[in-house]
């Protein structure tokens, strides 16, 4: 479980973290506002809404479009 792991890291440190996580063979849960970081490490996206966790088919850009359109 990683909660905002890129806070206070510079660009080189973020990229090193990305490389390390992408080479990790286990699963991780990440909470972050850093879209660059999330796009670089994510292969699955889950949405937490009203005490329910649902898989989301798409990437962060797809989710952003739905939110802007007022659809969840």
PDB file of N, CA and C in Angstrom:
ATOM      1  N   UNK A   1       0.851  -1.167   0.000  1.00  0.00           N
ATOM      2  CA  UNK A   1       0.000   0.000   0.000  1.00  0.00           C
ATOM      3  C   UNK A   1       0.892   1.224   0.000  1.00  0.00           C
ATOM      4  N   UNK A   2       0.716   2.067  -1.006  1.00  0.00           N
ATOM      5  CA  UNK A   2       1.499   3.295  -1.117  1.00  0.00           C
ATOM      6  C   UNK A   2       0.545   4.479  -1.122  1.00  0.00           C
ATOM      7  N   UNK A   3       0.734   5.386  -0.188  1.00  0.00           N
ATOM      8  CA  UNK A   3      -0.115   6.570  -0.078  1.00  0.00           C
ATOM      9  C   UNK A   3       0.716   7.791  -0.459  1.00  0.00           C
ATOM     10  N   UNK A   4       0.425   8.344  -1.625  1.00  0.00           N
ATOM     11  CA  UNK A   4       1.133   9.520  -2.152  1.00  0.00           C
ATOM     12  C   UNK A   4       2.653   9.319  -2.133  1.00  0.00           C
ATOM     13  N   UNK A   5       3.139   8.248  -2.770  1.00  0.00           N
ATOM     14  CA  UNK A   5       4.569   7.943  -2.694  1.00  0.00           C
ATOM     15  C   UNK A   5       5.490   8.931  -3.407  1.00  0.00           C
ATOM     16  N   UNK A   6       4.956   9.762  -4.276  1.00  0.00           N
ATOM     17  CA  UNK A   6       5.824  10.699  -5.004  1.00  0.00           C
ATOM     18  C   UNK A   6       5.950  12.059  -4.321  1.00  0.00           C
ATOM     19  N   UNK A   7       5.229  12.251  -3.228  1.00  0.00           N
ATOM     20  CA  UNK A   7       5.358  13.523  -2.513  1.00  0.00           C
ATOM     21  C   UNK A   7       6.811  13.732  -2.111  1.00  0.00           C
ATOM     22  N   UNK A   8       7.314  14.901  -2.355  1.00  0.00           N
ATOM     23  CA  UNK A   8       8.666  15.322  -1.967  1.00  0.00           C
ATOM     24  C   UNK A   8       9.774  14.605  -2.740  1.00  0.00           C
ATOM     25  N   UNK A   9       9.437  13.925  -3.848  1.00  0.00           N
ATOM     26  CA  UNK A   9      10.464  13.303  -4.678  1.00  0.00           C
ATOM     27  C   UNK A   9      10.706  14.174  -5.903  1.00  0.00           C
ATOM     28  N   UNK A  10      11.948  14.219  -6.349  1.00  0.00           N
ATOM     29  CA  UNK A  10      12.230  14.932  -7.590  1.00  0.00           C
ATOM     30  C   UNK A  10      11.962  13.998  -8.776  1.00  0.00           C
ATOM     31  N   UNK A  11      12.086  14.527  -9.982  1.00  0.00           N
ATOM     32  CA  UNK A  11      11.745  13.780 -11.194  1.00  0.00           C
ATOM     33  C   UNK A  11      12.560  12.491 -11.320  1.00  0.00           C
ATOM     34  N   UNK A  12      13.854  12.560 -11.035  1.00  0.00           N
ATOM     35  CA  UNK A  12      14.706  11.368 -11.138  1.00  0.00           C
ATOM     36  C   UNK A  12      14.291  10.301 -10.128  1.00  0.00           C
ATOM     37  N   UNK A  13      13.958  10.714  -8.914  1.00  0.00           N
ATOM     38  CA  UNK A  13      13.537   9.758  -7.888  1.00  0.00           C
ATOM     39  C   UNK A  13      12.192   9.127  -8.247  1.00  0.00           C
ATOM     40  N   UNK A  14      11.285   9.924  -8.819  1.00  0.00           N
ATOM     41  CA  UNK A  14       9.998   9.383  -9.262  1.00  0.00           C
ATOM     42  C   UNK A  14      10.209   8.333 -10.346  1.00  0.00           C
ATOM     43  N   UNK A  15      11.082   8.630 -11.304  1.00  0.00           N
ATOM     44  CA  UNK A  15      11.350   7.659 -12.369  1.00  0.00           C
ATOM     45  C   UNK A  15      12.016   6.393 -11.844  1.00  0.00           C
ATOM     46  N   UNK A  16      12.874   6.517 -10.844  1.00  0.00           N
ATOM     47  CA  UNK A  16      13.485   5.335 -10.232  1.00  0.00           C
ATOM     48  C   UNK A  16      12.420   4.502  -9.515  1.00  0.00           C
ATOM     49  N   UNK A  17      11.493   5.171  -8.848  1.00  0.00           N
ATOM     50  CA  UNK A  17      10.389   4.470  -8.182  1.00  0.00           C
ATOM     51  C   UNK A  17       9.512   3.756  -9.205  1.00  0.00           C
ATOM     52  N   UNK A  18       9.228   4.414 -10.314  1.00  0.00           N
ATOM     53  CA  UNK A  18       8.441   3.809 -11.395  1.00  0.00           C
ATOM     54  C   UNK A  18       9.129   2.540 -11.896  1.00  0.00           C
ATOM     55  N   UNK A  19      10.420   2.614 -12.144  1.00  0.00           N
ATOM     56  CA  UNK A  19      11.163   1.442 -12.634  1.00  0.00           C
ATOM     57  C   UNK A  19      11.101   0.306 -11.622  1.00  0.00           C
ATOM     58  N   UNK A  20      11.290   0.631 -10.357  1.00  0.00           N
ATOM     59  CA  UNK A  20      11.246  -0.392  -9.318  1.00  0.00           C
ATOM     60  C   UNK A  20       9.884  -1.046  -9.212  1.00  0.00           C
ATOM     61  N   UNK A  21       8.834  -0.245  -9.238  1.00  0.00           N
ATOM     62  CA  UNK A  21       7.484  -0.799  -9.122  1.00  0.00           C
ATOM     63  C   UNK A  21       7.105  -1.610 -10.360  1.00  0.00           C
ATOM     64  N   UNK A  22       7.520  -1.157 -11.529  1.00  0.00           N
ATOM     65  CA  UNK A  22       7.203  -1.906 -12.745  1.00  0.00           C
ATOM     66  C   UNK A  22       7.949  -3.237 -12.811  1.00  0.00           C
ATOM     67  N   UNK A  23       9.062  -3.366 -12.113  1.00  0.00           N
ATOM     68  CA  UNK A  23       9.800  -4.624 -12.053  1.00  0.00           C
ATOM     69  C   UNK A  23       9.318  -5.531 -10.923  1.00  0.00           C
ATOM     70  N   UNK A  24       8.517  -4.997 -10.012  1.00  0.00           N
ATOM     71  CA  UNK A  24       7.977  -5.771  -8.894  1.00  0.00           C
ATOM     72  C   UNK A  24       6.930  -6.741  -9.423  1.00  0.00           C
ATOM     73  N   UNK A  25       7.021  -8.003  -9.027  1.00  0.00           N
ATOM     74  CA  UNK A  25       6.125  -9.019  -9.561  1.00  0.00           C
ATOM     75  C   UNK A  25       4.871  -9.240  -8.730  1.00  0.00           C
ATOM     76  N   UNK A  26       4.706  -8.507  -7.652  1.00  0.00           N
ATOM     77  CA  UNK A  26       3.521  -8.644  -6.818  1.00  0.00           C
ATOM     78  C   UNK A  26       2.494  -7.572  -7.144  1.00  0.00           C
ATOM     79  N   UNK A  27       1.499  -7.479  -6.316  1.00  0.00           N
ATOM     80  CA  UNK A  27       0.465  -6.460  -6.485  1.00  0.00           C
ATOM     81  C   UNK A  27       0.676  -5.311  -5.513  1.00  0.00           C
ATOM     82  N   UNK A  28       0.263  -4.137  -5.915  1.00  0.00           N
ATOM     83  CA  UNK A  28       0.351  -2.969  -5.035  1.00  0.00           C
ATOM     84  C   UNK A  28      -0.940  -2.174  -5.147  1.00  0.00           C
ATOM     85  N   UNK A  29      -1.236  -1.459  -4.096  1.00  0.00           N
ATOM     86  CA  UNK A  29      -2.346  -0.509  -4.083  1.00  0.00           C
ATOM     87  C   UNK A  29      -1.717   0.862  -3.922  1.00  0.00           C
ATOM     88  N   UNK A  30      -2.062   1.779  -4.822  1.00  0.00           N
ATOM     89  CA  UNK A  30      -1.465   3.114  -4.803  1.00  0.00           C
ATOM     90  C   UNK A  30      -2.564   4.167  -4.748  1.00  0.00           C
ATOM     91  N   UNK A  31      -2.380   5.122  -3.870  1.00  0.00           N
ATOM     92  CA  UNK A  31      -3.239   6.298  -3.812  1.00  0.00           C
ATOM     93  C   UNK A  31      -2.350   7.480  -4.151  1.00  0.00           C
ATOM     94  N   UNK A  32      -2.699   8.210  -5.208  1.00  0.00           N
ATOM     95  CA  UNK A  32      -1.852   9.321  -5.626  1.00  0.00           C
ATOM     96  C   UNK A  32      -2.651  10.310  -6.465  1.00  0.00           C
ATOM     97  N   UNK A  33      -2.199  11.551  -6.456  1.00  0.00           N
ATOM     98  CA  UNK A  33      -2.744  12.581  -7.342  1.00  0.00           C
ATOM     99  C   UNK A  33      -1.812  12.822  -8.526  1.00  0.00           C
ATOM    100  N   UNK A  34      -0.696  12.115  -8.564  1.00  0.00           N
ATOM    101  CA  UNK A  34       0.326  12.299  -9.590  1.00  0.00           C
ATOM    102  C   UNK A  34      -0.044  11.468 -10.820  1.00  0.00           C
ATOM    103  N   UNK A  35      -0.655  12.103 -11.805  1.00  0.00           N
ATOM    104  CA  UNK A  35      -1.147  11.384 -12.987  1.00  0.00           C
ATOM    105  C   UNK A  35      -0.016  10.796 -13.823  1.00  0.00           C
ATOM    106  N   UNK A  36       1.099  11.486 -13.914  1.00  0.00           N
ATOM    107  CA  UNK A  36       2.253  10.945 -14.637  1.00  0.00           C
ATOM    108  C   UNK A  36       2.661   9.613 -14.017  1.00  0.00           C
ATOM    109  N   UNK A  37       2.797   9.600 -12.714  1.00  0.00           N
ATOM    110  CA  UNK A  37       3.185   8.404 -11.974  1.00  0.00           C
ATOM    111  C   UNK A  37       2.152   7.292 -12.138  1.00  0.00           C
ATOM    112  N   UNK A  38       0.889   7.612 -11.951  1.00  0.00           N
ATOM    113  CA  UNK A  38      -0.165   6.599 -12.058  1.00  0.00           C
ATOM    114  C   UNK A  38      -0.237   5.991 -13.455  1.00  0.00           C
ATOM    115  N   UNK A  39      -0.138   6.829 -14.473  1.00  0.00           N
ATOM    116  CA  UNK A  39      -0.164   6.300 -15.846  1.00  0.00           C
ATOM    117  C   UNK A  39       1.036   5.396 -16.119  1.00  0.00           C
ATOM    118  N   UNK A  40       2.167   5.678 -15.488  1.00  0.00           N
ATOM    119  CA  UNK A  40       3.380   4.903 -15.735  1.00  0.00           C
ATOM    120  C   UNK A  40       3.371   3.543 -15.036  1.00  0.00           C
ATOM    121  N   UNK A  41       2.608   3.404 -13.942  1.00  0.00           N
ATOM    122  CA  UNK A  41       2.657   2.146 -13.190  1.00  0.00           C
ATOM    123  C   UNK A  41       1.372   1.329 -13.232  1.00  0.00           C
ATOM    124  N   UNK A  42       0.296   1.912 -13.686  1.00  0.00           N
ATOM    125  CA  UNK A  42      -1.009   1.251 -13.558  1.00  0.00           C
ATOM    126  C   UNK A  42      -1.358   0.390 -14.761  1.00  0.00           C
ATOM    127  N   UNK A  43      -1.856  -0.793 -14.460  1.00  0.00           N
ATOM    128  CA  UNK A  43      -2.439  -1.594 -15.531  1.00  0.00           C
ATOM    129  C   UNK A  43      -3.889  -1.936 -15.224  1.00  0.00           C
ATOM    130  N   UNK A  44      -4.341  -1.604 -14.009  1.00  0.00           N
ATOM    131  CA  UNK A  44      -5.741  -1.767 -13.629  1.00  0.00           C
ATOM    132  C   UNK A  44      -6.157  -0.567 -12.795  1.00  0.00           C
ATOM    133  N   UNK A  45      -7.382  -0.142 -12.987  1.00  0.00           N
ATOM    134  CA  UNK A  45      -7.911   1.006 -12.253  1.00  0.00           C
ATOM    135  C   UNK A  45      -9.197   0.579 -11.561  1.00  0.00           C
ATOM    136  N   UNK A  46      -9.302   0.893 -10.286  1.00  0.00           N
ATOM    137  CA  UNK A  46     -10.508   0.600  -9.514  1.00  0.00           C
ATOM    138  C   UNK A  46     -11.057   1.913  -8.978  1.00  0.00           C
ATOM    139  N   UNK A  47     -12.360   2.040  -8.990  1.00  0.00           N
ATOM    140  CA  UNK A  47     -13.022   3.234  -8.507  1.00  0.00           C
ATOM    141  C   UNK A  47     -13.679   2.920  -7.174  1.00  0.00           C
ATOM    142  N   UNK A  48     -13.427   3.758  -6.175  1.00  0.00           N
ATOM    143  CA  UNK A  48     -14.069   3.630  -4.875  1.00  0.00           C
ATOM    144  C   UNK A  48     -15.151   4.696  -4.816  1.00  0.00           C
ATOM    145  N   UNK A  49     -16.393   4.253  -4.653  1.00  0.00           N
ATOM    146  CA  UNK A  49     -17.526   5.179  -4.634  1.00  0.00           C
ATOM    147  C   UNK A  49     -18.619   4.611  -3.752  1.00  0.00           C
ATOM    148  N   UNK A  50     -19.071   5.397  -2.800  1.00  0.00           N
ATOM    149  CA  UNK A  50     -20.159   4.999  -1.905  1.00  0.00           C
ATOM    150  C   UNK A  50     -19.894   3.645  -1.266  1.00  0.00           C
ATOM    151  N   UNK A  51     -18.715   3.524  -0.654  1.00  0.00           N
ATOM    152  CA  UNK A  51     -18.308   2.317   0.076  1.00  0.00           C
ATOM    153  C   UNK A  51     -18.268   1.070  -0.803  1.00  0.00           C
ATOM    154  N   UNK A  52     -18.071   1.262  -2.098  1.00  0.00           N
ATOM    155  CA  UNK A  52     -18.004   0.144  -3.021  1.00  0.00           C
ATOM    156  C   UNK A  52     -16.780   0.312  -3.923  1.00  0.00           C
ATOM    157  N   UNK A  53     -16.109  -0.788  -4.202  1.00  0.00           N
ATOM    158  CA  UNK A  53     -14.941  -0.785  -5.075  1.00  0.00           C
ATOM    159  C   UNK A  53     -15.309  -1.530  -6.348  1.00  0.00           C
ATOM    160  N   UNK A  54     -15.116  -0.853  -7.490  1.00  0.00           N
ATOM    161  CA  UNK A  54     -15.470  -1.451  -8.774  1.00  0.00           C
ATOM    162  C   UNK A  54     -14.297  -1.323  -9.741  1.00  0.00           C
ATOM    163  N   UNK A  55     -14.031  -2.378 -10.518  1.00  0.00           N
ATOM    164  CA  UNK A  55     -13.007  -2.241 -11.565  1.00  0.00           C
ATOM    165  C   UNK A  55     -13.492  -1.273 -12.636  1.00  0.00           C
ATOM    166  N   UNK A  56     -12.566  -0.516 -13.199  1.00  0.00           N
ATOM    167  CA  UNK A  56     -12.902   0.440 -14.254  1.00  0.00           C
ATOM    168  C   UNK A  56     -12.224   0.004 -15.537  1.00  0.00           C
ATOM    169  N   UNK A  57     -13.000  -0.140 -16.587  1.00  0.00           N
ATOM    170  CA  UNK A  57     -12.445  -0.502 -17.889  1.00  0.00           C
ATOM    171  C   UNK A  57     -12.048   0.777 -18.603  1.00  0.00           C
ATOM    172  N   UNK A  58     -10.776   1.039 -18.623  1.00  0.00           N
ATOM    173  CA  UNK A  58     -10.259   2.259 -19.238  1.00  0.00           C
ATOM    174  C   UNK A  58      -9.083   2.763 -18.434  1.00  0.00           C
ATOM    175  N   UNK A  59      -8.570   3.911 -18.842  1.00  0.00           N
ATOM    176  CA  UNK A  59      -7.437   4.506 -18.135  1.00  0.00           C
ATOM    177  C   UNK A  59      -7.879   5.798 -17.452  1.00  0.00           C
ATOM    178  N   UNK A  60      -6.917   6.517 -16.904  1.00  0.00           N
ATOM    179  CA  UNK A  60      -7.254   7.758 -16.198  1.00  0.00           C
ATOM    180  C   UNK A  60      -7.895   8.789 -17.117  1.00  0.00           C
ATOM    181  N   UNK A  61      -7.459   8.831 -18.362  1.00  0.00           N
ATOM    182  CA  UNK A  61      -8.056   9.782 -19.304  1.00  0.00           C
ATOM    183  C   UNK A  61      -9.526   9.442 -19.570  1.00  0.00           C
ATOM    184  N   UNK A  62      -9.842   8.156 -19.681  1.00  0.00           N
ATOM    185  CA  UNK A  62     -11.235   7.740 -19.868  1.00  0.00           C
ATOM    186  C   UNK A  62     -12.072   8.122 -18.652  1.00  0.00           C
ATOM    187  N   UNK A  63     -11.519   7.913 -17.470  1.00  0.00           N
ATOM    188  CA  UNK A  63     -12.252   8.253 -16.247  1.00  0.00           C
ATOM    189  C   UNK A  63     -12.482   9.764 -16.145  1.00  0.00           C
ATOM    190  N   UNK A  64     -11.452  10.540 -16.481  1.00  0.00           N
ATOM    191  CA  UNK A  64     -11.583  12.001 -16.442  1.00  0.00           C
ATOM    192  C   UNK A  64     -12.718  12.469 -17.352  1.00  0.00           C
ATOM    193  N   UNK A  65     -12.814  11.879 -18.543  1.00  0.00           N
ATOM    194  CA  UNK A  65     -13.886  12.234 -19.480  1.00  0.00           C
ATOM    195  C   UNK A  65     -15.258  11.953 -18.883  1.00  0.00           C
ATOM    196  N   UNK A  66     -15.401  10.798 -18.211  1.00  0.00           N
ATOM    197  CA  UNK A  66     -16.676  10.463 -17.587  1.00  0.00           C
ATOM    198  C   UNK A  66     -17.037  11.434 -16.470  1.00  0.00           C
ATOM    199  N   UNK A  67     -16.045  11.782 -15.659  1.00  0.00           N
ATOM    200  CA  UNK A  67     -16.291  12.702 -14.560  1.00  0.00           C
ATOM    201  C   UNK A  67     -16.699  14.076 -15.084  1.00  0.00           C
ATOM    202  N   UNK A  68     -16.004  14.546 -16.121  1.00  0.00           N
ATOM    203  CA  UNK A  68     -16.362  15.843 -16.717  1.00  0.00           C
ATOM    204  C   UNK A  68     -17.745  15.829 -17.326  1.00  0.00           C
ATOM    205  N   UNK A  69     -18.159  14.666 -17.818  1.00  0.00           N
ATOM    206  CA  UNK A  69     -19.485  14.536 -18.402  1.00  0.00           C
ATOM    207  C   UNK A  69     -20.554  14.314 -17.340  1.00  0.00           C
ATOM    208  N   UNK A  70     -20.136  14.154 -16.086  1.00  0.00           N
ATOM    209  CA  UNK A  70     -21.086  13.948 -15.002  1.00  0.00           C
ATOM    210  C   UNK A  70     -21.559  12.503 -14.863  1.00  0.00           C
ATOM    211  N   UNK A  71     -20.816  11.571 -15.439  1.00  0.00           N
ATOM    212  CA  UNK A  71     -21.175  10.156 -15.399  1.00  0.00           C
ATOM    213  C   UNK A  71     -20.148   9.421 -14.551  1.00  0.00           C
ATOM    214  N   UNK A  72     -20.636   8.453 -13.747  1.00  0.00           N
ATOM    215  CA  UNK A  72     -19.692   7.628 -12.961  1.00  0.00           C
ATOM    216  C   UNK A  72     -19.904   6.200 -13.283  1.00  0.00           C
TER     217      UNK A  72
END
